[in-house]
Amino acid sequence: MKKISIAIDGPAGAGKSTISKKVAKKLNINYIDTGAMYRAVTLKMLNKKIDLSDKENIIQVLKNTKISYKNNHIYLDDELVDNKIRTNEVSNSVSYIAKIKEVRDILVEMQRRISKNTSVIMDGRDIGSNVLPNADYKFFVTASVEERGRRRYLELKEKGINVELNDIIEKIKTRDKIDSTRAIAPLKKCKDAIVIDTTNKTIDECIDEILSYIVERR
């Protein structure tokens, strides 16, 4: 199989990461969770108790930060942080980090370097529109805000975290607004992206749908 690039965009809780990981495995290509990179930066800032409005301090800390992937696991300064970046605190704060232009510039350059030498599937908010505008395949994975809220609610409850479903839905709406209206690389569907609505579909159904487009075009 020749080198390919696949861009997966969409809002929080739509199933992008789960779907992308499984597609990567089926195609035997590298999966890069770009959202996890922003979460890792957010985690570091929170751990250091840095004010998320202190842009200059955030940029300086990021310049001395190492983010890497090994076997589809993300490492922050050589520490495995797969679970630590998925806390509610990080989820509620990551949009404030992601809207900083200099942060995006640094991380996007990392992402583009990775895609130059290997087949990749990347997911995020602006992969098809900004990070990999010339990707071979572009998909926009979405779901209703109620369904995304329900999924997040069940995920947190399973971890023993006491939350209210309505609160989760409102926070997702807020995050959607921030992601969609930020000045730098906002969340949007590319004109040439194929929409995959996961609201009433299983993960396997979504994966099969994406793979059908890739096989068809190849």
N, C-alpha and C. Protein backbone atom coordinates (compact mmCIF):
# COMPACT_ATOMS: atom_id res chain seq x y z
N MET A 1 0.84 -1.19 0.00
CA MET A 1 0.00 0.00 0.00
C MET A 1 0.87 1.25 0.00
N LYS A 2 0.57 2.18 -0.91
CA LYS A 2 1.34 3.41 -0.96
C LYS A 2 1.05 4.25 0.27
N LYS A 3 1.92 5.24 0.53
CA LYS A 3 1.74 6.12 1.68
C LYS A 3 0.45 6.91 1.51
N ILE A 4 -0.38 6.94 2.57
CA ILE A 4 -1.64 7.68 2.52
C ILE A 4 -1.79 8.54 3.76
N SER A 5 -2.63 9.56 3.65
CA SER A 5 -2.94 10.40 4.80
C SER A 5 -4.45 10.55 4.90
N ILE A 6 -4.96 10.39 6.12
CA ILE A 6 -6.40 10.46 6.37
C ILE A 6 -6.65 11.50 7.45
N ALA A 7 -7.50 12.46 7.17
CA ALA A 7 -7.85 13.51 8.13
C ALA A 7 -9.25 13.24 8.69
N ILE A 8 -9.35 13.19 10.01
CA ILE A 8 -10.64 12.99 10.68
C ILE A 8 -10.90 14.20 11.58
N ASP A 9 -11.93 14.96 11.26
CA ASP A 9 -12.29 16.12 12.08
C ASP A 9 -13.66 15.92 12.70
N GLY A 10 -13.96 16.74 13.71
CA GLY A 10 -15.27 16.68 14.33
C GLY A 10 -15.24 17.20 15.75
N PRO A 11 -16.42 17.42 16.33
CA PRO A 11 -16.52 17.97 17.69
C PRO A 11 -16.21 16.94 18.77
N ALA A 12 -16.12 17.41 20.01
CA ALA A 12 -15.82 16.54 21.15
C ALA A 12 -16.91 15.50 21.35
N GLY A 13 -16.49 14.27 21.65
CA GLY A 13 -17.43 13.22 21.99
C GLY A 13 -18.12 12.54 20.83
N ALA A 14 -17.67 12.82 19.60
CA ALA A 14 -18.32 12.23 18.42
C ALA A 14 -17.82 10.83 18.12
N GLY A 15 -16.69 10.45 18.72
CA GLY A 15 -16.12 9.13 18.50
C GLY A 15 -14.91 9.12 17.59
N LYS A 16 -14.34 10.30 17.32
CA LYS A 16 -13.20 10.40 16.40
C LYS A 16 -12.03 9.50 16.79
N SER A 17 -11.63 9.59 18.05
CA SER A 17 -10.44 8.87 18.49
C SER A 17 -10.64 7.36 18.42
N THR A 18 -11.76 6.88 18.92
CA THR A 18 -12.03 5.43 18.90
C THR A 18 -12.06 4.91 17.47
N ILE A 19 -12.75 5.62 16.60
CA ILE A 19 -12.85 5.22 15.20
C ILE A 19 -11.49 5.27 14.52
N SER A 20 -10.75 6.35 14.74
CA SER A 20 -9.45 6.51 14.09
C SER A 20 -8.47 5.42 14.50
N LYS A 21 -8.45 5.09 15.77
CA LYS A 21 -7.56 4.02 16.26
C LYS A 21 -7.85 2.70 15.56
N LYS A 22 -9.13 2.38 15.43
CA LYS A 22 -9.50 1.09 14.83
C LYS A 22 -9.25 1.08 13.33
N VAL A 23 -9.48 2.20 12.66
CA VAL A 23 -9.19 2.29 11.24
C VAL A 23 -7.68 2.14 11.02
N ALA A 24 -6.90 2.80 11.86
CA ALA A 24 -5.44 2.71 11.76
C ALA A 24 -4.97 1.26 11.89
N LYS A 25 -5.57 0.54 12.82
CA LYS A 25 -5.20 -0.86 13.03
C LYS A 25 -5.55 -1.71 11.82
N LYS A 26 -6.73 -1.48 11.25
CA LYS A 26 -7.16 -2.27 10.10
C LYS A 26 -6.31 -1.99 8.86
N LEU A 27 -5.87 -0.74 8.73
CA LEU A 27 -5.05 -0.36 7.57
C LEU A 27 -3.55 -0.50 7.85
N ASN A 28 -3.21 -0.80 9.11
CA ASN A 28 -1.82 -0.93 9.53
C ASN A 28 -1.03 0.36 9.26
N ILE A 29 -1.63 1.48 9.68
CA ILE A 29 -0.95 2.77 9.56
C ILE A 29 -0.90 3.43 10.94
N ASN A 30 -0.18 4.53 11.04
CA ASN A 30 0.02 5.21 12.32
C ASN A 30 -1.15 6.13 12.66
N TYR A 31 -1.59 6.05 13.91
CA TYR A 31 -2.66 6.92 14.39
C TYR A 31 -2.06 8.04 15.24
N ILE A 32 -2.39 9.27 14.90
CA ILE A 32 -1.92 10.44 15.64
C ILE A 32 -3.12 11.19 16.19
N ASP A 33 -3.30 11.15 17.49
CA ASP A 33 -4.40 11.85 18.16
C ASP A 33 -3.93 13.27 18.47
N THR A 34 -4.23 14.20 17.57
CA THR A 34 -3.74 15.57 17.76
C THR A 34 -4.40 16.23 18.96
N GLY A 35 -5.66 15.87 19.23
CA GLY A 35 -6.32 16.43 20.40
C GLY A 35 -5.61 16.06 21.68
N ALA A 36 -5.04 14.85 21.71
CA ALA A 36 -4.31 14.40 22.88
C ALA A 36 -3.06 15.25 23.11
N MET A 37 -2.49 15.78 22.02
CA MET A 37 -1.32 16.64 22.16
C MET A 37 -1.71 17.93 22.89
N TYR A 38 -2.86 18.50 22.53
CA TYR A 38 -3.32 19.72 23.20
C TYR A 38 -3.70 19.42 24.65
N ARG A 39 -4.25 18.23 24.88
CA ARG A 39 -4.58 17.82 26.24
C ARG A 39 -3.30 17.67 27.08
N ALA A 40 -2.26 17.14 26.46
CA ALA A 40 -1.00 16.96 27.18
C ALA A 40 -0.42 18.31 27.59
N VAL A 41 -0.49 19.28 26.68
CA VAL A 41 -0.02 20.63 27.01
C VAL A 41 -0.86 21.20 28.15
N THR A 42 -2.17 21.02 28.06
CA THR A 42 -3.09 21.50 29.11
C THR A 42 -2.76 20.87 30.45
N LEU A 43 -2.53 19.56 30.45
CA LEU A 43 -2.19 18.85 31.68
C LEU A 43 -0.94 19.44 32.32
N LYS A 44 0.05 19.72 31.50
CA LYS A 44 1.29 20.28 32.05
C LYS A 44 1.05 21.65 32.68
N MET A 45 0.26 22.48 32.00
CA MET A 45 -0.02 23.82 32.53
C MET A 45 -0.80 23.73 33.85
N LEU A 46 -1.76 22.82 33.91
CA LEU A 46 -2.53 22.65 35.14
C LEU A 46 -1.65 22.14 36.27
N ASN A 47 -0.77 21.19 35.96
CA ASN A 47 0.13 20.65 36.98
C ASN A 47 1.07 21.72 37.52
N LYS A 48 1.46 22.63 36.63
CA LYS A 48 2.37 23.70 37.03
C LYS A 48 1.61 24.90 37.60
N LYS A 49 0.27 24.77 37.63
CA LYS A 49 -0.59 25.85 38.15
C LYS A 49 -0.37 27.16 37.41
N ILE A 50 -0.23 27.05 36.10
CA ILE A 50 -0.07 28.23 35.26
C ILE A 50 -1.43 28.76 34.85
N ASP A 51 -1.62 30.05 34.97
CA ASP A 51 -2.88 30.69 34.58
C ASP A 51 -3.09 30.46 33.08
N LEU A 52 -4.23 29.89 32.71
CA LEU A 52 -4.48 29.56 31.31
C LEU A 52 -4.69 30.79 30.43
N SER A 53 -4.73 31.96 31.03
CA SER A 53 -4.80 33.19 30.25
C SER A 53 -3.41 33.83 30.09
N ASP A 54 -2.41 33.23 30.72
CA ASP A 54 -1.03 33.74 30.66
C ASP A 54 -0.32 33.17 29.44
N LYS A 55 -0.63 33.73 28.29
CA LYS A 55 -0.15 33.19 27.02
C LYS A 55 1.37 33.10 26.93
N GLU A 56 2.05 34.13 27.34
CA GLU A 56 3.51 34.15 27.21
C GLU A 56 4.15 33.03 28.03
N ASN A 57 3.67 32.83 29.24
CA ASN A 57 4.21 31.78 30.11
C ASN A 57 3.93 30.40 29.51
N ILE A 58 2.74 30.22 28.99
CA ILE A 58 2.35 28.94 28.37
C ILE A 58 3.29 28.62 27.20
N ILE A 59 3.54 29.60 26.36
CA ILE A 59 4.40 29.39 25.20
C ILE A 59 5.82 29.02 25.63
N GLN A 60 6.35 29.69 26.62
CA GLN A 60 7.70 29.40 27.10
C GLN A 60 7.80 27.99 27.66
N VAL A 61 6.80 27.59 28.43
CA VAL A 61 6.81 26.24 29.00
C VAL A 61 6.72 25.20 27.88
N LEU A 62 5.88 25.46 26.87
CA LEU A 62 5.71 24.53 25.77
C LEU A 62 7.01 24.34 24.99
N LYS A 63 7.78 25.40 24.85
CA LYS A 63 9.04 25.30 24.11
C LYS A 63 10.02 24.33 24.77
N ASN A 64 9.80 24.07 26.05
CA ASN A 64 10.66 23.12 26.78
C ASN A 64 9.89 21.86 27.14
N THR A 65 8.94 21.51 26.29
CA THR A 65 8.09 20.34 26.54
C THR A 65 8.28 19.33 25.42
N LYS A 66 8.34 18.06 25.80
CA LYS A 66 8.48 16.98 24.83
C LYS A 66 7.19 16.17 24.77
N ILE A 67 6.62 16.06 23.58
CA ILE A 67 5.43 15.24 23.37
C ILE A 67 5.76 14.21 22.30
N SER A 68 5.53 12.94 22.60
CA SER A 68 5.87 11.89 21.64
C SER A 68 4.85 10.77 21.67
N TYR A 69 4.86 9.97 20.61
CA TYR A 69 3.98 8.80 20.50
C TYR A 69 4.83 7.55 20.36
N LYS A 70 4.46 6.53 21.13
CA LYS A 70 5.12 5.23 21.02
C LYS A 70 4.04 4.16 21.09
N ASN A 71 3.91 3.37 20.02
CA ASN A 71 2.92 2.29 19.97
C ASN A 71 1.51 2.79 20.27
N ASN A 72 1.18 3.95 19.69
CA ASN A 72 -0.14 4.57 19.84
C ASN A 72 -0.45 5.01 21.27
N HIS A 73 0.58 5.28 22.06
CA HIS A 73 0.43 5.84 23.40
C HIS A 73 1.14 7.20 23.41
N ILE A 74 0.58 8.16 24.15
CA ILE A 74 1.17 9.49 24.18
C ILE A 74 1.99 9.69 25.46
N TYR A 75 3.14 10.33 25.28
CA TYR A 75 4.05 10.58 26.39
C TYR A 75 4.30 12.09 26.51
N LEU A 76 4.24 12.57 27.73
CA LEU A 76 4.53 13.98 28.04
C LEU A 76 5.82 14.02 28.84
N ASP A 77 6.85 14.60 28.25
CA ASP A 77 8.18 14.63 28.90
C ASP A 77 8.56 13.22 29.35
N ASP A 78 8.35 12.25 28.44
CA ASP A 78 8.70 10.84 28.62
C ASP A 78 7.84 10.10 29.65
N GLU A 79 6.75 10.71 30.09
CA GLU A 79 5.82 10.04 31.01
C GLU A 79 4.54 9.66 30.27
N LEU A 80 4.12 8.41 30.41
CA LEU A 80 2.88 7.94 29.79
C LEU A 80 1.69 8.67 30.43
N VAL A 81 0.88 9.35 29.60
CA VAL A 81 -0.21 10.16 30.16
C VAL A 81 -1.57 9.86 29.51
N ASP A 82 -1.73 8.68 28.94
CA ASP A 82 -2.98 8.31 28.27
C ASP A 82 -4.20 8.62 29.13
N ASN A 83 -4.17 8.23 30.38
CA ASN A 83 -5.32 8.41 31.27
C ASN A 83 -5.36 9.80 31.91
N LYS A 84 -4.21 10.34 32.24
CA LYS A 84 -4.15 11.63 32.92
C LYS A 84 -4.72 12.77 32.09
N ILE A 85 -4.64 12.65 30.76
CA ILE A 85 -5.14 13.73 29.91
C ILE A 85 -6.65 13.64 29.67
N ARG A 86 -7.30 12.61 30.23
CA ARG A 86 -8.73 12.41 30.01
C ARG A 86 -9.58 12.81 31.21
N THR A 87 -9.02 13.54 32.14
CA THR A 87 -9.80 13.96 33.31
C THR A 87 -10.76 15.08 32.92
N ASN A 88 -11.78 15.27 33.74
CA ASN A 88 -12.76 16.32 33.48
C ASN A 88 -12.10 17.70 33.51
N GLU A 89 -11.14 17.88 34.39
CA GLU A 89 -10.45 19.18 34.50
C GLU A 89 -9.73 19.52 33.20
N VAL A 90 -9.05 18.54 32.62
CA VAL A 90 -8.36 18.76 31.36
C VAL A 90 -9.37 19.02 30.24
N SER A 91 -10.44 18.23 30.20
CA SER A 91 -11.47 18.39 29.17
C SER A 91 -12.08 19.79 29.17
N ASN A 92 -12.28 20.33 30.37
CA ASN A 92 -12.91 21.65 30.50
C ASN A 92 -11.94 22.80 30.25
N SER A 93 -10.64 22.50 30.16
CA SER A 93 -9.63 23.56 30.03
C SER A 93 -8.92 23.57 28.69
N VAL A 94 -8.98 22.46 27.95
CA VAL A 94 -8.15 22.32 26.76
C VAL A 94 -8.45 23.35 25.67
N SER A 95 -9.70 23.78 25.54
CA SER A 95 -10.04 24.76 24.50
C SER A 95 -9.33 26.08 24.69
N TYR A 96 -9.04 26.43 25.94
CA TYR A 96 -8.35 27.70 26.21
C TYR A 96 -6.88 27.64 25.75
N ILE A 97 -6.30 26.44 25.82
CA ILE A 97 -4.93 26.24 25.34
C ILE A 97 -4.93 26.18 23.82
N ALA A 98 -5.91 25.45 23.25
CA ALA A 98 -5.94 25.21 21.81
C ALA A 98 -6.18 26.48 21.00
N LYS A 99 -6.72 27.52 21.60
CA LYS A 99 -7.01 28.73 20.83
C LYS A 99 -5.81 29.67 20.74
N ILE A 100 -4.70 29.33 21.42
CA ILE A 100 -3.50 30.17 21.38
C ILE A 100 -2.72 29.86 20.09
N LYS A 101 -2.57 30.85 19.25
CA LYS A 101 -1.96 30.66 17.92
C LYS A 101 -0.58 30.03 18.01
N GLU A 102 0.25 30.53 18.91
CA GLU A 102 1.63 30.02 18.99
C GLU A 102 1.68 28.57 19.43
N VAL A 103 0.75 28.17 20.28
CA VAL A 103 0.66 26.76 20.69
C VAL A 103 0.30 25.91 19.49
N ARG A 104 -0.67 26.35 18.72
CA ARG A 104 -1.10 25.60 17.54
C ARG A 104 0.02 25.51 16.52
N ASP A 105 0.75 26.60 16.32
CA ASP A 105 1.85 26.61 15.35
C ASP A 105 2.89 25.55 15.70
N ILE A 106 3.24 25.47 16.97
CA ILE A 106 4.25 24.51 17.42
C ILE A 106 3.77 23.07 17.23
N LEU A 107 2.55 22.80 17.65
CA LEU A 107 2.03 21.44 17.57
C LEU A 107 1.72 21.02 16.13
N VAL A 108 1.21 21.95 15.32
CA VAL A 108 0.92 21.63 13.92
C VAL A 108 2.20 21.27 13.18
N GLU A 109 3.28 21.96 13.47
CA GLU A 109 4.56 21.64 12.83
C GLU A 109 5.01 20.23 13.20
N MET A 110 4.80 19.85 14.45
CA MET A 110 5.11 18.48 14.89
C MET A 110 4.29 17.47 14.08
N GLN A 111 3.00 17.76 13.94
CA GLN A 111 2.08 16.85 13.25
C GLN A 111 2.44 16.71 11.77
N ARG A 112 2.78 17.80 11.12
CA ARG A 112 3.14 17.75 9.70
C ARG A 112 4.42 16.98 9.47
N ARG A 113 5.37 17.11 10.37
CA ARG A 113 6.63 16.37 10.24
C ARG A 113 6.37 14.87 10.26
N ILE A 114 5.48 14.45 11.16
CA ILE A 114 5.16 13.03 11.28
C ILE A 114 4.55 12.50 9.97
N SER A 115 3.66 13.29 9.37
CA SER A 115 2.92 12.83 8.18
C SER A 115 3.77 12.79 6.91
N LYS A 116 4.91 13.45 6.91
CA LYS A 116 5.74 13.51 5.71
C LYS A 116 6.39 12.17 5.37
N ASN A 117 6.67 11.38 6.39
CA ASN A 117 7.46 10.18 6.18
C ASN A 117 6.73 8.87 6.38
N THR A 118 5.45 8.93 6.77
CA THR A 118 4.73 7.70 7.06
C THR A 118 3.24 7.86 6.80
N SER A 119 2.56 6.76 6.56
CA SER A 119 1.10 6.80 6.40
C SER A 119 0.47 7.08 7.75
N VAL A 120 -0.48 8.01 7.77
CA VAL A 120 -1.09 8.40 9.05
C VAL A 120 -2.59 8.60 8.93
N ILE A 121 -3.26 8.44 10.05
CA ILE A 121 -4.62 8.91 10.22
C ILE A 121 -4.57 9.84 11.42
N MET A 122 -4.98 11.08 11.24
CA MET A 122 -4.95 12.08 12.30
C MET A 122 -6.37 12.54 12.60
N ASP A 123 -6.67 12.74 13.87
CA ASP A 123 -7.96 13.31 14.19
C ASP A 123 -7.79 14.56 15.04
N GLY A 124 -8.75 15.45 14.90
CA GLY A 124 -8.68 16.71 15.64
C GLY A 124 -9.82 17.63 15.25
N ARG A 125 -9.56 18.93 15.27
CA ARG A 125 -10.59 19.92 14.93
C ARG A 125 -10.32 20.57 13.56
N ASP A 126 -9.04 20.62 13.19
CA ASP A 126 -8.68 21.36 11.97
C ASP A 126 -7.68 20.59 11.12
N ILE A 127 -7.79 19.27 11.10
CA ILE A 127 -6.82 18.48 10.35
C ILE A 127 -6.98 18.69 8.85
N GLY A 128 -8.19 18.49 8.35
CA GLY A 128 -8.41 18.64 6.92
C GLY A 128 -8.31 20.07 6.42
N SER A 129 -8.67 21.02 7.27
CA SER A 129 -8.67 22.42 6.85
C SER A 129 -7.33 23.11 7.03
N ASN A 130 -6.50 22.60 7.96
CA ASN A 130 -5.27 23.32 8.29
C ASN A 130 -4.03 22.44 8.38
N VAL A 131 -4.08 21.38 9.14
CA VAL A 131 -2.88 20.56 9.36
C VAL A 131 -2.50 19.78 8.11
N LEU A 132 -3.48 19.07 7.53
CA LEU A 132 -3.23 18.27 6.33
C LEU A 132 -4.25 18.63 5.24
N PRO A 133 -4.15 19.85 4.70
CA PRO A 133 -5.14 20.28 3.71
C PRO A 133 -5.11 19.44 2.43
N ASN A 134 -4.01 18.74 2.19
CA ASN A 134 -3.91 17.90 0.99
C ASN A 134 -4.04 16.42 1.32
N ALA A 135 -4.69 16.11 2.42
CA ALA A 135 -4.87 14.71 2.83
C ALA A 135 -5.59 13.94 1.72
N ASP A 136 -5.25 12.66 1.58
CA ASP A 136 -5.87 11.83 0.55
C ASP A 136 -7.35 11.61 0.83
N TYR A 137 -7.70 11.53 2.12
CA TYR A 137 -9.09 11.29 2.52
C TYR A 137 -9.44 12.21 3.69
N LYS A 138 -10.62 12.80 3.62
CA LYS A 138 -11.08 13.68 4.70
C LYS A 138 -12.48 13.25 5.15
N PHE A 139 -12.64 13.13 6.47
CA PHE A 139 -13.93 12.77 7.04
C PHE A 139 -14.27 13.73 8.17
N PHE A 140 -15.56 14.01 8.31
CA PHE A 140 -16.04 14.83 9.42
C PHE A 140 -16.97 13.95 10.26
N VAL A 141 -16.48 13.54 11.44
CA VAL A 141 -17.22 12.63 12.32
C VAL A 141 -17.98 13.45 13.35
N THR A 142 -19.29 13.28 13.41
CA THR A 142 -20.10 14.09 14.30
C THR A 142 -21.20 13.25 14.96
N ALA A 143 -21.94 13.87 15.85
CA ALA A 143 -23.09 13.25 16.54
C ALA A 143 -23.86 14.38 17.21
N SER A 144 -25.09 14.14 17.58
CA SER A 144 -25.89 15.17 18.25
C SER A 144 -25.25 15.53 19.58
N VAL A 145 -25.46 16.75 20.04
CA VAL A 145 -24.86 17.18 21.30
C VAL A 145 -25.41 16.36 22.47
N GLU A 146 -26.67 15.94 22.37
CA GLU A 146 -27.25 15.12 23.43
C GLU A 146 -26.57 13.76 23.52
N GLU A 147 -26.29 13.17 22.36
CA GLU A 147 -25.62 11.87 22.35
C GLU A 147 -24.18 11.99 22.82
N ARG A 148 -23.52 13.05 22.43
CA ARG A 148 -22.13 13.26 22.88
C ARG A 148 -22.08 13.48 24.38
N GLY A 149 -23.06 14.22 24.89
CA GLY A 149 -23.13 14.45 26.33
C GLY A 149 -23.39 13.15 27.08
N ARG A 150 -24.28 12.34 26.54
CA ARG A 150 -24.61 11.05 27.18
C ARG A 150 -23.38 10.14 27.25
N ARG A 151 -22.62 10.12 26.17
CA ARG A 151 -21.41 9.28 26.15
C ARG A 151 -20.40 9.74 27.19
N ARG A 152 -20.21 11.04 27.28
CA ARG A 152 -19.26 11.59 28.25
C ARG A 152 -19.75 11.33 29.67
N TYR A 153 -21.04 11.48 29.87
CA TYR A 153 -21.65 11.24 31.18
C TYR A 153 -21.41 9.80 31.63
N LEU A 154 -21.67 8.84 30.75
CA LEU A 154 -21.48 7.42 31.08
C LEU A 154 -20.01 7.10 31.34
N GLU A 155 -19.14 7.73 30.58
CA GLU A 155 -17.70 7.53 30.75
C GLU A 155 -17.24 7.99 32.13
N LEU A 156 -17.72 9.15 32.55
CA LEU A 156 -17.33 9.69 33.86
C LEU A 156 -17.96 8.90 35.00
N LYS A 157 -19.22 8.51 34.83
CA LYS A 157 -19.88 7.72 35.86
C LYS A 157 -19.17 6.38 36.06
N GLU A 158 -18.71 5.80 34.97
CA GLU A 158 -18.00 4.53 35.04
C GLU A 158 -16.71 4.67 35.83
N LYS A 159 -16.14 5.87 35.81
CA LYS A 159 -14.91 6.13 36.56
C LYS A 159 -15.20 6.54 38.00
N GLY A 160 -16.50 6.55 38.36
CA GLY A 160 -16.89 6.89 39.72
C GLY A 160 -16.97 8.38 39.98
N ILE A 161 -17.02 9.17 38.91
CA ILE A 161 -17.09 10.63 39.05
C ILE A 161 -18.56 11.06 39.03
N ASN A 162 -18.98 11.78 40.06
CA ASN A 162 -20.38 12.20 40.19
C ASN A 162 -20.62 13.47 39.37
N VAL A 163 -21.39 13.34 38.30
CA VAL A 163 -21.69 14.48 37.43
C VAL A 163 -23.17 14.47 37.05
N GLU A 164 -23.64 15.60 36.55
CA GLU A 164 -25.02 15.72 36.08
C GLU A 164 -25.00 15.77 34.55
N LEU A 165 -25.89 15.00 33.94
CA LEU A 165 -25.94 14.94 32.48
C LEU A 165 -26.14 16.31 31.86
N ASN A 166 -27.05 17.10 32.39
CA ASN A 166 -27.31 18.43 31.83
C ASN A 166 -26.08 19.33 31.89
N ASP A 167 -25.31 19.20 32.98
CA ASP A 167 -24.08 19.99 33.11
C ASP A 167 -23.08 19.60 32.03
N ILE A 168 -22.97 18.30 31.78
CA ILE A 168 -22.04 17.81 30.76
C ILE A 168 -22.44 18.32 29.38
N ILE A 169 -23.73 18.27 29.09
CA ILE A 169 -24.22 18.75 27.79
C ILE A 169 -23.93 20.24 27.62
N GLU A 170 -24.16 21.02 28.67
CA GLU A 170 -23.90 22.46 28.59
C GLU A 170 -22.42 22.75 28.37
N LYS A 171 -21.55 21.96 29.03
CA LYS A 171 -20.11 22.16 28.86
C LYS A 171 -19.67 21.80 27.45
N ILE A 172 -20.29 20.77 26.88
CA ILE A 172 -19.96 20.40 25.50
C ILE A 172 -20.42 21.50 24.54
N LYS A 173 -21.59 22.08 24.80
CA LYS A 173 -22.06 23.20 23.96
C LYS A 173 -21.09 24.37 24.03
N THR A 174 -20.60 24.64 25.24
CA THR A 174 -19.65 25.75 25.43
C THR A 174 -18.36 25.46 24.67
N ARG A 175 -17.89 24.21 24.79
CA ARG A 175 -16.65 23.85 24.10
C ARG A 175 -16.84 23.93 22.59
N ASP A 176 -17.98 23.47 22.08
CA ASP A 176 -18.26 23.55 20.65
C ASP A 176 -18.19 25.00 20.17
N LYS A 177 -18.77 25.90 20.98
CA LYS A 177 -18.78 27.32 20.59
C LYS A 177 -17.37 27.88 20.55
N ILE A 178 -16.57 27.54 21.56
CA ILE A 178 -15.19 28.01 21.59
C ILE A 178 -14.41 27.47 20.39
N ASP A 179 -14.55 26.17 20.14
CA ASP A 179 -13.81 25.53 19.05
C ASP A 179 -14.23 26.06 17.68
N SER A 180 -15.51 26.37 17.53
CA SER A 180 -16.03 26.78 16.23
C SER A 180 -15.84 28.26 15.93
N THR A 181 -15.65 29.07 16.96
CA THR A 181 -15.57 30.52 16.75
C THR A 181 -14.19 31.10 17.00
N ARG A 182 -13.24 30.26 17.41
CA ARG A 182 -11.90 30.81 17.67
C ARG A 182 -11.32 31.36 16.37
N ALA A 183 -10.48 32.36 16.49
CA ALA A 183 -9.93 33.04 15.32
C ALA A 183 -8.95 32.17 14.55
N ILE A 184 -8.21 31.33 15.27
CA ILE A 184 -7.18 30.50 14.65
C ILE A 184 -7.68 29.08 14.44
N ALA A 185 -7.68 28.63 13.19
CA ALA A 185 -8.02 27.25 12.83
C ALA A 185 -9.24 26.72 13.58
N PRO A 186 -10.39 27.32 13.36
CA PRO A 186 -11.61 26.85 14.05
C PRO A 186 -12.08 25.50 13.55
N LEU A 187 -12.90 24.84 14.37
CA LEU A 187 -13.53 23.59 13.97
C LEU A 187 -14.51 23.88 12.83
N LYS A 188 -14.34 23.18 11.71
CA LYS A 188 -15.29 23.32 10.61
C LYS A 188 -15.18 22.13 9.68
N LYS A 189 -16.24 21.88 8.96
CA LYS A 189 -16.23 20.78 8.00
C LYS A 189 -15.72 21.28 6.66
N CYS A 190 -14.70 20.61 6.14
CA CYS A 190 -14.18 20.96 4.82
C CYS A 190 -15.21 20.62 3.75
N LYS A 191 -15.20 21.35 2.67
CA LYS A 191 -16.14 21.11 1.58
C LYS A 191 -15.98 19.71 1.00
N ASP A 192 -14.74 19.21 1.01
CA ASP A 192 -14.48 17.90 0.42
C ASP A 192 -14.45 16.77 1.45
N ALA A 193 -14.94 17.04 2.65
CA ALA A 193 -14.97 16.01 3.69
C ALA A 193 -16.27 15.22 3.64
N ILE A 194 -16.18 13.94 3.91
CA ILE A 194 -17.35 13.06 3.96
C ILE A 194 -17.86 13.03 5.39
N VAL A 195 -19.14 13.31 5.59
CA VAL A 195 -19.73 13.33 6.94
C VAL A 195 -20.08 11.92 7.39
N ILE A 196 -19.64 11.59 8.60
CA ILE A 196 -19.98 10.33 9.24
C ILE A 196 -20.70 10.67 10.54
N ASP A 197 -22.02 10.48 10.57
CA ASP A 197 -22.82 10.78 11.76
C ASP A 197 -22.92 9.52 12.62
N THR A 198 -22.35 9.57 13.80
CA THR A 198 -22.27 8.38 14.66
C THR A 198 -23.43 8.27 15.66
N THR A 199 -24.38 9.22 15.60
CA THR A 199 -25.43 9.28 16.62
C THR A 199 -26.14 7.95 16.83
N ASN A 200 -26.57 7.35 15.76
CA ASN A 200 -27.35 6.11 15.86
C ASN A 200 -26.63 4.92 15.22
N LYS A 201 -25.30 4.98 15.22
CA LYS A 201 -24.52 3.90 14.62
C LYS A 201 -23.54 3.31 15.63
N THR A 202 -23.20 2.05 15.44
CA THR A 202 -22.17 1.44 16.27
C THR A 202 -20.81 1.86 15.74
N ILE A 203 -19.79 1.68 16.56
CA ILE A 203 -18.43 2.01 16.13
C ILE A 203 -18.06 1.21 14.89
N ASP A 204 -18.38 -0.08 14.89
CA ASP A 204 -18.04 -0.93 13.75
C ASP A 204 -18.73 -0.48 12.46
N GLU A 205 -19.96 -0.02 12.57
CA GLU A 205 -20.67 0.49 11.39
C GLU A 205 -19.97 1.72 10.83
N CYS A 206 -19.49 2.59 11.70
CA CYS A 206 -18.79 3.81 11.27
C CYS A 206 -17.46 3.47 10.62
N ILE A 207 -16.76 2.49 11.19
CA ILE A 207 -15.48 2.07 10.64
C ILE A 207 -15.66 1.48 9.25
N ASP A 208 -16.66 0.61 9.11
CA ASP A 208 -16.93 0.00 7.81
C ASP A 208 -17.29 1.06 6.77
N GLU A 209 -18.02 2.09 7.20
CA GLU A 209 -18.40 3.16 6.28
C GLU A 209 -17.18 3.91 5.78
N ILE A 210 -16.27 4.24 6.71
CA ILE A 210 -15.05 4.95 6.32
C ILE A 210 -14.19 4.09 5.41
N LEU A 211 -14.01 2.83 5.76
CA LEU A 211 -13.18 1.93 4.96
C LEU A 211 -13.76 1.72 3.57
N SER A 212 -15.09 1.76 3.45
CA SER A 212 -15.71 1.57 2.13
C SER A 212 -15.32 2.71 1.18
N TYR A 213 -15.21 3.91 1.70
CA TYR A 213 -14.79 5.05 0.86
C TYR A 213 -13.34 4.91 0.45
N ILE A 214 -12.50 4.46 1.37
CA ILE A 214 -11.07 4.34 1.09
C ILE A 214 -10.83 3.24 0.06
N VAL A 215 -11.45 2.09 0.25
CA VAL A 215 -11.30 0.98 -0.71
C VAL A 215 -11.84 1.37 -2.07
N GLU A 216 -12.99 2.06 -2.07
CA GLU A 216 -13.65 2.46 -3.32
C GLU A 216 -12.77 3.39 -4.14
N ARG A 217 -12.12 4.32 -3.45
CA ARG A 217 -11.30 5.31 -4.15
C ARG A 217 -9.91 4.79 -4.50
N ARG A 218 -9.50 3.69 -3.84
CA ARG A 218 -8.19 3.13 -4.13
C ARG A 218 -8.30 2.10 -5.25
